[in-house]
Amino acid sequence: MRHEPLIEPSTNKEKHVLKKLLTTLATASLALSALAACGDGGGDGSGDGKTVLGFAQVGAESAWRTANTTSIQESAAAAGIELKFSDAQQKQENQIKAIRSFIQQRVDVIAFSPIVETGWDTVLKEAKDAKIPVVLTDRAVDSADDSLYVTFLGSDFVEEGRRAANWLVEEYKDSDETVNIVELQGTTGSAPAIDRKTGFEEITSADPKFQTIASQAADFTRAKGKEVMQAFLSANKDIDVLYAHNDDMALGAIQAIEEAGLKPGEDIKIISVDGVKDAFVAMTEGKINVVVECNPLLGPQLMDVVAKIAAGQPTEKRILTEEGVFTMDQAAAELPNRKY
């Protein structure tokens, strides 16, 4: 087949017009290609179609937190959600940096467990301005603007404190003597530390025989729990009850109590919160009297929430986890069911 030759431009002006047209067409083609590449993938432009979740974790300060991290990582993989994970090592500034990094990467959803309650408004406004929805998990924030996050998934820490105190009230219902309590608080300024203390005091303050004679933060860690309990024992000769805001602090305190020649669970009754496997072992050994459960396995619920948000579906503003209270006589039967 014979092809007619292209008509060559005969003047410099025509050549200039043709060159400009070809340049414009090439630029438009490149722009369309880039747009298509960004539009068929996740929030980071990966092109694989997955929803991308950026998660900023508190750290790995306890067995509870480790179980929480594992649940999130495994649930994201099972749900086909791409997870960008950051460990803040219990420093708020690290969490804020991670959230800003997620914003820059244009993830689809940001989730995090706030180390403390305050100081989040600025970075959450940045996420809101970038139109990236935020989910709070495990811990809440103290902000007057609840539009900065879509939902809060986690426990009712105040109710956990109440449950701990209700057991105490029942345990000493037939006694008129003063009950001296020492308290190991969680990280100062954190939601569980504030709320577990509030709920506990709400119940115990109704009866003057319950006296909290010492209360100090031990940062949710076993080592700090032991250290602070040693100080309590040195300063107070008559301690009836230890209320620990988490199991790791309680387990550390048990070491201090035993080293002081006392029997945990008998000489000093122990109330703890979380429900990790080691705490149930301690209950079977008679060293912890009661554990108020705080479920760390939030991964499946979180991925359900992320999927709903990504699909543009509405979610509840507050989503609670199901939890119970376990005593010594229930520990042996429940121990095989502990996954963390």
C-alpha atoms as a PDB file:
ATOM      1  CA  MET A   1       0.000   0.000   0.000  1.00  0.00           C
ATOM      2  CA  ARG A   2       1.322   3.380  -0.899  1.00  0.00           C
ATOM      3  CA  HIS A   3       1.505   6.045   1.831  1.00  0.00           C
ATOM      4  CA  GLU A   4       1.342   9.692   0.983  1.00  0.00           C
ATOM      5  CA  PRO A   5       4.096  11.703   2.600  1.00  0.00           C
ATOM      6  CA  LEU A   6       3.177  14.109   5.392  1.00  0.00           C
ATOM      7  CA  ILE A   7       2.873  17.698   4.324  1.00  0.00           C
ATOM      8  CA  GLU A   8       5.876  19.529   5.721  1.00  0.00           C
ATOM      9  CA  PRO A   9       5.326  23.028   7.107  1.00  0.00           C
ATOM     10  CA  SER A  10       6.704  25.436   4.590  1.00  0.00           C
ATOM     11  CA  THR A  11       7.372  28.476   6.782  1.00  0.00           C
ATOM     12  CA  ASN A  12       9.120  29.075  10.098  1.00  0.00           C
ATOM     13  CA  LYS A  13       5.843  30.304  11.603  1.00  0.00           C
ATOM     14  CA  GLU A  14       4.073  27.069  10.689  1.00  0.00           C
ATOM     15  CA  LYS A  15       6.967  25.048  12.136  1.00  0.00           C
ATOM     16  CA  HIS A  16       6.734  27.012  15.400  1.00  0.00           C
ATOM     17  CA  VAL A  17       2.957  26.443  15.693  1.00  0.00           C
ATOM     18  CA  LEU A  18       3.358  22.689  15.045  1.00  0.00           C
ATOM     19  CA  LYS A  19       6.135  22.362  17.621  1.00  0.00           C
ATOM     20  CA  LYS A  20       4.063  24.173  20.247  1.00  0.00           C
ATOM     21  CA  LEU A  21       1.047  21.911  19.533  1.00  0.00           C
ATOM     22  CA  LEU A  22       3.117  18.738  19.876  1.00  0.00           C
ATOM     23  CA  THR A  23       4.606  19.957  23.187  1.00  0.00           C
ATOM     24  CA  THR A  24       1.144  20.727  24.582  1.00  0.00           C
ATOM     25  CA  LEU A  25      -0.160  17.283  23.597  1.00  0.00           C
ATOM     26  CA  ALA A  26       2.811  15.546  25.221  1.00  0.00           C
ATOM     27  CA  THR A  27       2.373  17.488  28.476  1.00  0.00           C
ATOM     28  CA  ALA A  28      -1.340  16.659  28.611  1.00  0.00           C
ATOM     29  CA  SER A  29      -0.611  12.972  28.031  1.00  0.00           C
ATOM     30  CA  LEU A  30       1.850  12.860  30.917  1.00  0.00           C
ATOM     31  CA  ALA A  31      -0.598  14.598  33.241  1.00  0.00           C
ATOM     32  CA  LEU A  32      -3.371  12.116  32.392  1.00  0.00           C
ATOM     33  CA  SER A  33      -1.013   9.200  33.021  1.00  0.00           C
ATOM     34  CA  ALA A  34      -0.036  10.551  36.442  1.00  0.00           C
ATOM     35  CA  LEU A  35      -3.661  11.156  37.379  1.00  0.00           C
ATOM     36  CA  ALA A  36      -4.587   7.612  36.457  1.00  0.00           C
ATOM     37  CA  ALA A  37      -1.710   6.217  38.520  1.00  0.00           C
ATOM     38  CA  CYS A  38      -2.862   8.126  41.614  1.00  0.00           C
ATOM     39  CA  GLY A  39      -6.504   7.245  41.152  1.00  0.00           C
ATOM     40  CA  ASP A  40      -6.369   3.453  40.994  1.00  0.00           C
ATOM     41  CA  GLY A  41      -4.525   2.672  44.244  1.00  0.00           C
ATOM     42  CA  GLY A  42      -4.583   3.314  47.994  1.00  0.00           C
ATOM     43  CA  GLY A  43      -4.103   6.622  49.752  1.00  0.00           C
ATOM     44  CA  ASP A  44      -0.342   6.466  49.182  1.00  0.00           C
ATOM     45  CA  GLY A  45      -0.656   6.002  45.438  1.00  0.00           C
ATOM     46  CA  SER A  46       0.602   2.429  45.638  1.00  0.00           C
ATOM     47  CA  GLY A  47      -1.713   1.377  42.836  1.00  0.00           C
ATOM     48  CA  ASP A  48      -2.791  -1.903  44.440  1.00  0.00           C
ATOM     49  CA  GLY A  49      -6.300  -0.770  45.342  1.00  0.00           C
ATOM     50  CA  LYS A  50      -5.901  -1.425  49.084  1.00  0.00           C
ATOM     51  CA  THR A  51      -7.199   0.856  51.802  1.00  0.00           C
ATOM     52  CA  VAL A  52      -4.171   2.316  53.613  1.00  0.00           C
ATOM     53  CA  LEU A  53      -4.288   2.718  57.397  1.00  0.00           C
ATOM     54  CA  GLY A  54      -1.672   4.666  59.321  1.00  0.00           C
ATOM     55  CA  PHE A  55      -1.526   3.555  62.966  1.00  0.00           C
ATOM     56  CA  ALA A  56       0.504   5.342  65.682  1.00  0.00           C
ATOM     57  CA  GLN A  57       0.929   3.040  68.688  1.00  0.00           C
ATOM     58  CA  VAL A  58       1.812   4.123  72.230  1.00  0.00           C
ATOM     59  CA  GLY A  59       4.752   1.737  72.527  1.00  0.00           C
ATOM     60  CA  ALA A  60       5.445  -1.720  73.938  1.00  0.00           C
ATOM     61  CA  GLU A  61       5.342  -0.922  77.650  1.00  0.00           C
ATOM     62  CA  SER A  62       3.256  -3.921  78.714  1.00  0.00           C
ATOM     63  CA  ALA A  63       1.990  -7.345  77.702  1.00  0.00           C
ATOM     64  CA  TRP A  64      -1.389  -5.717  77.059  1.00  0.00           C
ATOM     65  CA  ARG A  65       0.091  -3.249  74.576  1.00  0.00           C
ATOM     66  CA  THR A  66       2.067  -5.968  72.791  1.00  0.00           C
ATOM     67  CA  ALA A  67      -1.126  -7.999  72.395  1.00  0.00           C
ATOM     68  CA  ASN A  68      -2.922  -4.896  71.127  1.00  0.00           C
ATOM     69  CA  THR A  69      -0.241  -4.321  68.474  1.00  0.00           C
ATOM     70  CA  THR A  70      -0.299  -7.950  67.346  1.00  0.00           C
ATOM     71  CA  SER A  71      -4.103  -7.879  67.066  1.00  0.00           C
ATOM     72  CA  ILE A  72      -3.979  -4.761  64.867  1.00  0.00           C
ATOM     73  CA  GLN A  73      -1.222  -6.097  62.618  1.00  0.00           C
ATOM     74  CA  GLU A  74      -2.810  -9.523  62.142  1.00  0.00           C
ATOM     75  CA  SER A  75      -6.305  -8.093  61.610  1.00  0.00           C
ATOM     76  CA  ALA A  76      -5.074  -5.622  58.979  1.00  0.00           C
ATOM     77  CA  ALA A  77      -3.411  -8.445  57.038  1.00  0.00           C
ATOM     78  CA  ALA A  78      -6.549 -10.605  57.270  1.00  0.00           C
ATOM     79  CA  ALA A  79      -8.755  -7.727  56.095  1.00  0.00           C
ATOM     80  CA  GLY A  80      -6.504  -6.861  53.142  1.00  0.00           C
ATOM     81  CA  ILE A  81      -5.765  -3.409  54.577  1.00  0.00           C
ATOM     82  CA  GLU A  82      -2.286  -1.953  54.063  1.00  0.00           C
ATOM     83  CA  LEU A  83      -0.916  -0.965  57.481  1.00  0.00           C
ATOM     84  CA  LYS A  84       1.684   1.722  58.051  1.00  0.00           C
ATOM     85  CA  PHE A  85       2.702   1.229  61.692  1.00  0.00           C
ATOM     86  CA  SER A  86       4.642   3.511  64.048  1.00  0.00           C
ATOM     87  CA  ASP A  87       5.806   2.847  67.631  1.00  0.00           C
ATOM     88  CA  ALA A  88       5.972   6.104  69.617  1.00  0.00           C
ATOM     89  CA  GLN A  89       7.959   4.609  72.513  1.00  0.00           C
ATOM     90  CA  GLN A  90       5.633   6.370  74.985  1.00  0.00           C
ATOM     91  CA  LYS A  91       6.508   9.842  73.694  1.00  0.00           C
ATOM     92  CA  GLN A  92       3.730  12.146  72.510  1.00  0.00           C
ATOM     93  CA  GLU A  93       6.049  14.040  70.167  1.00  0.00           C
ATOM     94  CA  ASN A  94       6.798  10.781  68.358  1.00  0.00           C
ATOM     95  CA  GLN A  95       3.096  10.100  67.848  1.00  0.00           C
ATOM     96  CA  ILE A  96       2.542  13.593  66.492  1.00  0.00           C
ATOM     97  CA  LYS A  97       5.456  13.142  64.056  1.00  0.00           C
ATOM     98  CA  ALA A  98       3.983   9.814  62.932  1.00  0.00           C
ATOM     99  CA  ILE A  99       0.551  11.329  62.333  1.00  0.00           C
ATOM    100  CA  ARG A 100       2.091  14.153  60.287  1.00  0.00           C
ATOM    101  CA  SER A 101       4.011  11.569  58.283  1.00  0.00           C
ATOM    102  CA  PHE A 102       0.769   9.687  57.589  1.00  0.00           C
ATOM    103  CA  ILE A 103      -0.819  12.946  56.411  1.00  0.00           C
ATOM    104  CA  GLN A 104       2.097  13.563  54.024  1.00  0.00           C
ATOM    105  CA  GLN A 105       1.790  10.012  52.704  1.00  0.00           C
ATOM    106  CA  ARG A 106      -1.950  10.580  52.042  1.00  0.00           C
ATOM    107  CA  VAL A 107      -3.126   7.445  53.830  1.00  0.00           C
ATOM    108  CA  ASP A 108      -6.865   6.740  53.714  1.00  0.00           C
ATOM    109  CA  VAL A 109      -7.432   6.567  57.488  1.00  0.00           C
ATOM    110  CA  ILE A 110      -5.335   7.446  60.546  1.00  0.00           C
ATOM    111  CA  ALA A 111      -5.789   5.619  63.859  1.00  0.00           C
ATOM    112  CA  PHE A 112      -3.876   5.997  67.106  1.00  0.00           C
ATOM    113  CA  SER A 113      -3.961   5.346  70.860  1.00  0.00           C
ATOM    114  CA  PRO A 114      -3.204   8.726  72.458  1.00  0.00           C
ATOM    115  CA  ILE A 115      -0.389   8.562  75.016  1.00  0.00           C
ATOM    116  CA  VAL A 116      -1.989  11.412  76.986  1.00  0.00           C
ATOM    117  CA  GLU A 117      -5.372  13.126  76.660  1.00  0.00           C
ATOM    118  CA  THR A 118      -4.323  16.679  75.779  1.00  0.00           C
ATOM    119  CA  GLY A 119      -2.235  18.422  73.126  1.00  0.00           C
ATOM    120  CA  TRP A 120      -3.742  16.860  69.982  1.00  0.00           C
ATOM    121  CA  ASP A 121      -5.925  19.579  68.478  1.00  0.00           C
ATOM    122  CA  THR A 122      -3.293  21.069  66.151  1.00  0.00           C
ATOM    123  CA  VAL A 123      -2.249  17.823  64.462  1.00  0.00           C
ATOM    124  CA  LEU A 124      -5.832  16.540  64.312  1.00  0.00           C
ATOM    125  CA  LYS A 125      -6.870  19.769  62.560  1.00  0.00           C
ATOM    126  CA  GLU A 126      -4.098  19.140  60.058  1.00  0.00           C
ATOM    127  CA  ALA A 127      -5.554  15.702  59.352  1.00  0.00           C
ATOM    128  CA  LYS A 128      -9.044  17.163  59.080  1.00  0.00           C
ATOM    129  CA  ASP A 129      -7.847  19.849  56.638  1.00  0.00           C
ATOM    130  CA  ALA A 130      -6.237  17.078  54.579  1.00  0.00           C
ATOM    131  CA  LYS A 131      -9.607  15.270  54.610  1.00  0.00           C
ATOM    132  CA  ILE A 132      -8.119  12.175  56.278  1.00  0.00           C
ATOM    133  CA  PRO A 133     -10.494  10.658  58.863  1.00  0.00           C
ATOM    134  CA  VAL A 134      -9.094   9.793  62.298  1.00  0.00           C
ATOM    135  CA  VAL A 135     -10.071   6.943  64.626  1.00  0.00           C
ATOM    136  CA  LEU A 136      -9.140   6.930  68.321  1.00  0.00           C
ATOM    137  CA  THR A 137      -8.443   3.468  69.737  1.00  0.00           C
ATOM    138  CA  ASP A 138      -8.150   2.364  73.370  1.00  0.00           C
ATOM    139  CA  ARG A 139      -7.706   5.915  74.719  1.00  0.00           C
ATOM    140  CA  ALA A 140      -9.642   9.148  74.229  1.00  0.00           C
ATOM    141  CA  VAL A 141      -8.496  12.747  73.780  1.00  0.00           C
ATOM    142  CA  ASP A 142      -9.609  15.794  75.745  1.00  0.00           C
ATOM    143  CA  SER A 143     -10.800  18.172  73.038  1.00  0.00           C
ATOM    144  CA  ALA A 144     -13.764  20.520  72.788  1.00  0.00           C
ATOM    145  CA  ASP A 145     -14.006  19.728  69.057  1.00  0.00           C
ATOM    146  CA  ASP A 146     -15.177  16.145  68.560  1.00  0.00           C
ATOM    147  CA  SER A 147     -15.322  16.695  64.804  1.00  0.00           C
ATOM    148  CA  LEU A 148     -11.545  16.154  64.771  1.00  0.00           C
ATOM    149  CA  TYR A 149     -12.089  12.388  64.902  1.00  0.00           C
ATOM    150  CA  VAL A 150     -14.704  10.060  63.453  1.00  0.00           C
ATOM    151  CA  THR A 151     -15.071   7.621  66.340  1.00  0.00           C
ATOM    152  CA  PHE A 152     -13.506   6.324  69.534  1.00  0.00           C
ATOM    153  CA  LEU A 153     -13.134   2.547  69.849  1.00  0.00           C
ATOM    154  CA  GLY A 154     -12.186   1.268  73.282  1.00  0.00           C
ATOM    155  CA  SER A 155     -13.036   0.510  76.877  1.00  0.00           C
ATOM    156  CA  ASP A 156     -14.935   2.565  79.448  1.00  0.00           C
ATOM    157  CA  PHE A 157     -12.062   3.230  81.856  1.00  0.00           C
ATOM    158  CA  VAL A 158     -14.279   4.948  84.422  1.00  0.00           C
ATOM    159  CA  GLU A 159     -16.480   1.873  84.560  1.00  0.00           C
ATOM    160  CA  GLU A 160     -13.372  -0.292  85.007  1.00  0.00           C
ATOM    161  CA  GLY A 161     -12.480   1.785  88.068  1.00  0.00           C
ATOM    162  CA  ARG A 162     -16.008   1.371  89.406  1.00  0.00           C
ATOM    163  CA  ARG A 163     -15.864  -2.387  88.914  1.00  0.00           C
ATOM    164  CA  ALA A 164     -12.587  -2.560  90.835  1.00  0.00           C
ATOM    165  CA  ALA A 165     -14.099  -0.573  93.712  1.00  0.00           C
ATOM    166  CA  ASN A 166     -17.343  -2.571  93.702  1.00  0.00           C
ATOM    167  CA  TRP A 167     -15.347  -5.748  94.334  1.00  0.00           C
ATOM    168  CA  LEU A 168     -13.562  -4.005  97.205  1.00  0.00           C
ATOM    169  CA  VAL A 169     -16.810  -2.824  98.780  1.00  0.00           C
ATOM    170  CA  GLU A 170     -18.253  -6.339  98.599  1.00  0.00           C
ATOM    171  CA  GLU A 171     -15.049  -7.868 100.016  1.00  0.00           C
ATOM    172  CA  TYR A 172     -15.163  -5.634 103.110  1.00  0.00           C
ATOM    173  CA  LYS A 173     -18.931  -5.307 103.511  1.00  0.00           C
ATOM    174  CA  ASP A 174     -18.887  -6.977 106.945  1.00  0.00           C
ATOM    175  CA  SER A 175     -15.975  -4.959 108.320  1.00  0.00           C
ATOM    176  CA  ASP A 176     -16.113  -1.645 110.168  1.00  0.00           C
ATOM    177  CA  GLU A 177     -12.350  -1.209 110.355  1.00  0.00           C
ATOM    178  CA  THR A 178     -10.408   1.234 108.220  1.00  0.00           C
ATOM    179  CA  VAL A 179      -9.155  -0.214 104.931  1.00  0.00           C
ATOM    180  CA  ASN A 180      -5.846   1.363 103.893  1.00  0.00           C
ATOM    181  CA  ILE A 181      -5.369   1.423 100.108  1.00  0.00           C
ATOM    182  CA  VAL A 182      -2.305   2.215  98.011  1.00  0.00           C
ATOM    183  CA  GLU A 183      -2.709   2.972  94.304  1.00  0.00           C
ATOM    184  CA  LEU A 184      -0.350   2.433  91.390  1.00  0.00           C
ATOM    185  CA  GLN A 185      -1.481   4.856  88.701  1.00  0.00           C
ATOM    186  CA  GLY A 186      -0.774   4.587  84.992  1.00  0.00           C
ATOM    187  CA  THR A 187       1.085   7.184  82.926  1.00  0.00           C
ATOM    188  CA  THR A 188       0.362  10.694  84.211  1.00  0.00           C
ATOM    189  CA  GLY A 189      -2.169  12.465  81.997  1.00  0.00           C
ATOM    190  CA  SER A 190      -3.272   9.312  80.159  1.00  0.00           C
ATOM    191  CA  ALA A 191      -6.970   8.529  79.815  1.00  0.00           C
ATOM    192  CA  PRO A 192      -6.862   5.151  81.621  1.00  0.00           C
ATOM    193  CA  ALA A 193      -4.922   6.603  84.547  1.00  0.00           C
ATOM    194  CA  ILE A 194      -7.320   9.510  84.956  1.00  0.00           C
ATOM    195  CA  ASP A 195     -10.507   7.523  84.440  1.00  0.00           C
ATOM    196  CA  ARG A 196      -9.624   4.395  86.433  1.00  0.00           C
ATOM    197  CA  LYS A 197      -8.789   6.615  89.390  1.00  0.00           C
ATOM    198  CA  THR A 198     -12.001   8.610  88.947  1.00  0.00           C
ATOM    199  CA  GLY A 199     -14.240   5.545  88.778  1.00  0.00           C
ATOM    200  CA  PHE A 200     -12.561   3.906  91.783  1.00  0.00           C
ATOM    201  CA  GLU A 201     -12.829   7.022  93.948  1.00  0.00           C
ATOM    202  CA  GLU A 202     -16.447   7.555  92.921  1.00  0.00           C
ATOM    203  CA  ILE A 203     -17.363   4.331  94.737  1.00  0.00           C
ATOM    204  CA  THR A 204     -14.875   4.256  97.630  1.00  0.00           C
ATOM    205  CA  SER A 205     -15.477   7.884  98.639  1.00  0.00           C
ATOM    206  CA  ALA A 206     -19.026   6.954  99.661  1.00  0.00           C
ATOM    207  CA  ASP A 207     -17.673   4.975 102.633  1.00  0.00           C
ATOM    208  CA  PRO A 208     -15.145   6.680 104.965  1.00  0.00           C
ATOM    209  CA  LYS A 209     -13.591   3.368 106.025  1.00  0.00           C
ATOM    210  CA  PHE A 210     -11.852   3.199 102.626  1.00  0.00           C
ATOM    211  CA  GLN A 211      -8.762   5.390 102.772  1.00  0.00           C
ATOM    212  CA  THR A 212      -6.264   5.797  99.911  1.00  0.00           C
ATOM    213  CA  ILE A 213      -3.076   6.516 101.879  1.00  0.00           C
ATOM    214  CA  ALA A 214      -0.669   6.653  98.914  1.00  0.00           C
ATOM    215  CA  SER A 215      -1.080   7.060  95.168  1.00  0.00           C
ATOM    216  CA  GLN A 216       1.678   7.432  92.577  1.00  0.00           C
ATOM    217  CA  ALA A 217       2.241   6.953  88.838  1.00  0.00           C
ATOM    218  CA  ALA A 218       4.204   3.862  87.784  1.00  0.00           C
ATOM    219  CA  ASP A 219       3.849   4.280  84.002  1.00  0.00           C
ATOM    220  CA  PHE A 220       2.082   0.950  83.386  1.00  0.00           C
ATOM    221  CA  THR A 221       5.415  -0.929  83.605  1.00  0.00           C
ATOM    222  CA  ARG A 222       6.435  -3.892  85.758  1.00  0.00           C
ATOM    223  CA  ALA A 223       9.774  -2.368  86.788  1.00  0.00           C
ATOM    224  CA  LYS A 224       8.207   0.916  87.881  1.00  0.00           C
ATOM    225  CA  GLY A 225       5.407  -0.933  89.662  1.00  0.00           C
ATOM    226  CA  LYS A 226       7.980  -2.751  91.782  1.00  0.00           C
ATOM    227  CA  GLU A 227       9.945   0.435  92.468  1.00  0.00           C
ATOM    228  CA  VAL A 228       6.922   2.465  93.604  1.00  0.00           C
ATOM    229  CA  MET A 229       5.519  -0.404  95.685  1.00  0.00           C
ATOM    230  CA  GLN A 230       8.857  -0.674  97.493  1.00  0.00           C
ATOM    231  CA  ALA A 231       8.529   3.012  98.399  1.00  0.00           C
ATOM    232  CA  PHE A 232       4.934   2.477  99.571  1.00  0.00           C
ATOM    233  CA  LEU A 233       6.003  -0.397 101.820  1.00  0.00           C
ATOM    234  CA  SER A 234       8.843   1.637 103.319  1.00  0.00           C
ATOM    235  CA  ALA A 235       6.618   4.597 104.113  1.00  0.00           C
ATOM    236  CA  ASN A 236       3.466   2.763 105.219  1.00  0.00           C
ATOM    237  CA  LYS A 237       3.470  -0.084 107.737  1.00  0.00           C
ATOM    238  CA  ASP A 238      -0.225  -0.897 107.466  1.00  0.00           C
ATOM    239  CA  ILE A 239      -1.346  -1.505 103.858  1.00  0.00           C
ATOM    240  CA  ASP A 240      -4.481  -3.595 103.350  1.00  0.00           C
ATOM    241  CA  VAL A 241      -5.121  -3.258  99.612  1.00  0.00           C
ATOM    242  CA  LEU A 242      -3.206  -2.475  96.443  1.00  0.00           C
ATOM    243  CA  TYR A 243      -5.165  -1.070  93.496  1.00  0.00           C
ATOM    244  CA  ALA A 244      -3.047  -1.201  90.316  1.00  0.00           C
ATOM    245  CA  HIS A 245      -4.190   0.450  87.099  1.00  0.00           C
ATOM    246  CA  ASN A 246      -2.756  -2.450  85.091  1.00  0.00           C
ATOM    247  CA  ASP A 247      -1.481  -5.993  85.520  1.00  0.00           C
ATOM    248  CA  ASP A 248       2.171  -5.268  84.755  1.00  0.00           C
ATOM    249  CA  MET A 249       2.402  -2.800  87.633  1.00  0.00           C
ATOM    250  CA  ALA A 250       0.608  -5.291  89.892  1.00  0.00           C
ATOM    251  CA  LEU A 251       3.045  -8.055  88.924  1.00  0.00           C
ATOM    252  CA  GLY A 252       5.988  -5.780  89.686  1.00  0.00           C
ATOM    253  CA  ALA A 253       4.411  -4.866  93.031  1.00  0.00           C
ATOM    254  CA  ILE A 254       4.038  -8.564  93.894  1.00  0.00           C
ATOM    255  CA  GLN A 255       7.822  -8.914  93.685  1.00  0.00           C
ATOM    256  CA  ALA A 256       8.253  -5.995  96.114  1.00  0.00           C
ATOM    257  CA  ILE A 257       5.653  -7.417  98.521  1.00  0.00           C
ATOM    258  CA  GLU A 258       7.283 -10.842  98.546  1.00  0.00           C
ATOM    259  CA  GLU A 259      10.757  -9.353  99.027  1.00  0.00           C
ATOM    260  CA  ALA A 260       9.346  -7.501 102.060  1.00  0.00           C
ATOM    261  CA  GLY A 261       8.365 -10.863 103.576  1.00  0.00           C
ATOM    262  CA  LEU A 262       4.621 -10.443 102.984  1.00  0.00           C
ATOM    263  CA  LYS A 263       2.120 -12.588 101.114  1.00  0.00           C
ATOM    264  CA  PRO A 264       0.419 -10.875  98.143  1.00  0.00           C
ATOM    265  CA  GLY A 265      -3.266 -11.738  97.991  1.00  0.00           C
ATOM    266  CA  GLU A 266      -3.389 -12.378 101.746  1.00  0.00           C
ATOM    267  CA  ASP A 267      -1.441  -9.765 103.731  1.00  0.00           C
ATOM    268  CA  ILE A 268      -2.152  -7.237 100.985  1.00  0.00           C
ATOM    269  CA  LYS A 269      -5.130  -7.850  98.736  1.00  0.00           C
ATOM    270  CA  ILE A 270      -4.497  -6.928  95.114  1.00  0.00           C
ATOM    271  CA  ILE A 271      -6.928  -5.488  92.589  1.00  0.00           C
ATOM    272  CA  SER A 272      -5.675  -5.078  89.018  1.00  0.00           C
ATOM    273  CA  VAL A 273      -6.913  -4.090  85.578  1.00  0.00           C
ATOM    274  CA  ASP A 274      -6.304  -5.621  82.120  1.00  0.00           C
ATOM    275  CA  GLY A 275      -6.507  -9.422  82.220  1.00  0.00           C
ATOM    276  CA  VAL A 276      -3.205 -10.576  80.729  1.00  0.00           C
ATOM    277  CA  LYS A 277      -2.238 -14.238  81.007  1.00  0.00           C
ATOM    278  CA  ASP A 278       0.448 -13.612  83.650  1.00  0.00           C
ATOM    279  CA  ALA A 279      -2.157 -11.978  85.895  1.00  0.00           C
ATOM    280  CA  PHE A 280      -4.388 -15.042  85.625  1.00  0.00           C
ATOM    281  CA  VAL A 281      -1.413 -17.244  86.528  1.00  0.00           C
ATOM    282  CA  ALA A 282      -0.858 -15.014  89.580  1.00  0.00           C
ATOM    283  CA  MET A 283      -4.536 -15.415  90.516  1.00  0.00           C
ATOM    284  CA  THR A 284      -4.273 -19.213  90.332  1.00  0.00           C
ATOM    285  CA  GLU A 285      -1.316 -18.876  92.737  1.00  0.00           C
ATOM    286  CA  GLY A 286      -3.394 -16.757  95.125  1.00  0.00           C
ATOM    287  CA  LYS A 287      -1.322 -13.599  94.565  1.00  0.00           C
ATOM    288  CA  ILE A 288      -3.919 -11.395  92.824  1.00  0.00           C
ATOM    289  CA  ASN A 289      -7.477 -11.326  94.184  1.00  0.00           C
ATOM    290  CA  VAL A 290      -9.387  -9.847  91.258  1.00  0.00           C
ATOM    291  CA  VAL A 291      -8.746  -8.602  87.723  1.00  0.00           C
ATOM    292  CA  VAL A 292     -11.007  -6.187  85.856  1.00  0.00           C
ATOM    293  CA  GLU A 293     -10.721  -7.034  82.181  1.00  0.00           C
ATOM    294  CA  CYS A 294      -9.656  -4.506  79.545  1.00  0.00           C
ATOM    295  CA  ASN A 295      -9.643  -6.224  76.171  1.00  0.00           C
ATOM    296  CA  PRO A 296      -6.628  -5.388  73.952  1.00  0.00           C
ATOM    297  CA  LEU A 297      -7.778  -7.424  70.951  1.00  0.00           C
ATOM    298  CA  LEU A 298      -9.304  -4.457  69.137  1.00  0.00           C
ATOM    299  CA  GLY A 299      -7.901  -5.324  65.712  1.00  0.00           C
ATOM    300  CA  PRO A 300     -10.988  -6.919  64.131  1.00  0.00           C
ATOM    301  CA  GLN A 301     -13.295  -4.124  65.335  1.00  0.00           C
ATOM    302  CA  LEU A 302     -10.834  -1.476  64.148  1.00  0.00           C
ATOM    303  CA  MET A 303     -10.590  -2.981  60.662  1.00  0.00           C
ATOM    304  CA  ASP A 304     -14.395  -3.103  60.440  1.00  0.00           C
ATOM    305  CA  VAL A 305     -14.497   0.605  61.297  1.00  0.00           C
ATOM    306  CA  VAL A 306     -11.748   1.442  58.767  1.00  0.00           C
ATOM    307  CA  ALA A 307     -13.579  -0.486  56.031  1.00  0.00           C
ATOM    308  CA  LYS A 308     -16.807   1.390  56.778  1.00  0.00           C
ATOM    309  CA  ILE A 309     -15.063   4.757  56.681  1.00  0.00           C
ATOM    310  CA  ALA A 310     -13.302   3.909  53.421  1.00  0.00           C
ATOM    311  CA  ALA A 311     -16.646   2.914  51.923  1.00  0.00           C
ATOM    312  CA  GLY A 312     -18.246   6.182  53.033  1.00  0.00           C
ATOM    313  CA  GLN A 313     -20.548   4.471  55.531  1.00  0.00           C
ATOM    314  CA  PRO A 314     -21.533   6.077  58.860  1.00  0.00           C
ATOM    315  CA  THR A 315     -20.038   4.857  62.146  1.00  0.00           C
ATOM    316  CA  GLU A 316     -21.042   5.316  65.776  1.00  0.00           C
ATOM    317  CA  LYS A 317     -19.176   8.048  67.635  1.00  0.00           C
ATOM    318  CA  ARG A 318     -18.408   5.714  70.563  1.00  0.00           C
ATOM    319  CA  ILE A 319     -17.794   1.980  70.207  1.00  0.00           C
ATOM    320  CA  LEU A 320     -17.323  -0.054  73.392  1.00  0.00           C
ATOM    321  CA  THR A 321     -15.526  -3.357  73.849  1.00  0.00           C
ATOM    322  CA  GLU A 322     -17.030  -6.252  75.823  1.00  0.00           C
ATOM    323  CA  GLU A 323     -15.241  -7.010  79.100  1.00  0.00           C
ATOM    324  CA  GLY A 324     -15.725  -8.809  82.400  1.00  0.00           C
ATOM    325  CA  VAL A 325     -14.424  -9.155  85.994  1.00  0.00           C
ATOM    326  CA  PHE A 326     -12.530 -12.254  87.131  1.00  0.00           C
ATOM    327  CA  THR A 327     -11.789 -13.434  90.680  1.00  0.00           C
ATOM    328  CA  MET A 328      -9.404 -16.044  92.087  1.00  0.00           C
ATOM    329  CA  ASP A 329     -11.971 -18.822  91.941  1.00  0.00           C
ATOM    330  CA  GLN A 330     -12.554 -18.184  88.209  1.00  0.00           C
ATOM    331  CA  ALA A 331      -8.905 -17.854  87.202  1.00  0.00           C
ATOM    332  CA  ALA A 332      -8.033 -21.525  86.556  1.00  0.00           C
ATOM    333  CA  ALA A 333     -11.031 -22.071  84.278  1.00  0.00           C
ATOM    334  CA  GLU A 334     -10.438 -18.825  82.358  1.00  0.00           C
ATOM    335  CA  LEU A 335      -6.644 -19.109  82.009  1.00  0.00           C
ATOM    336  CA  PRO A 336      -6.732 -21.343  78.854  1.00  0.00           C
ATOM    337  CA  ASN A 337      -8.891 -18.704  77.132  1.00  0.00           C
ATOM    338  CA  ARG A 338      -6.344 -15.918  77.585  1.00  0.00           C
ATOM    339  CA  LYS A 339      -4.793 -15.062  74.218  1.00  0.00           C
ATOM    340  CA  TYR A 340      -2.436 -12.435  75.568  1.00  0.00           C
END
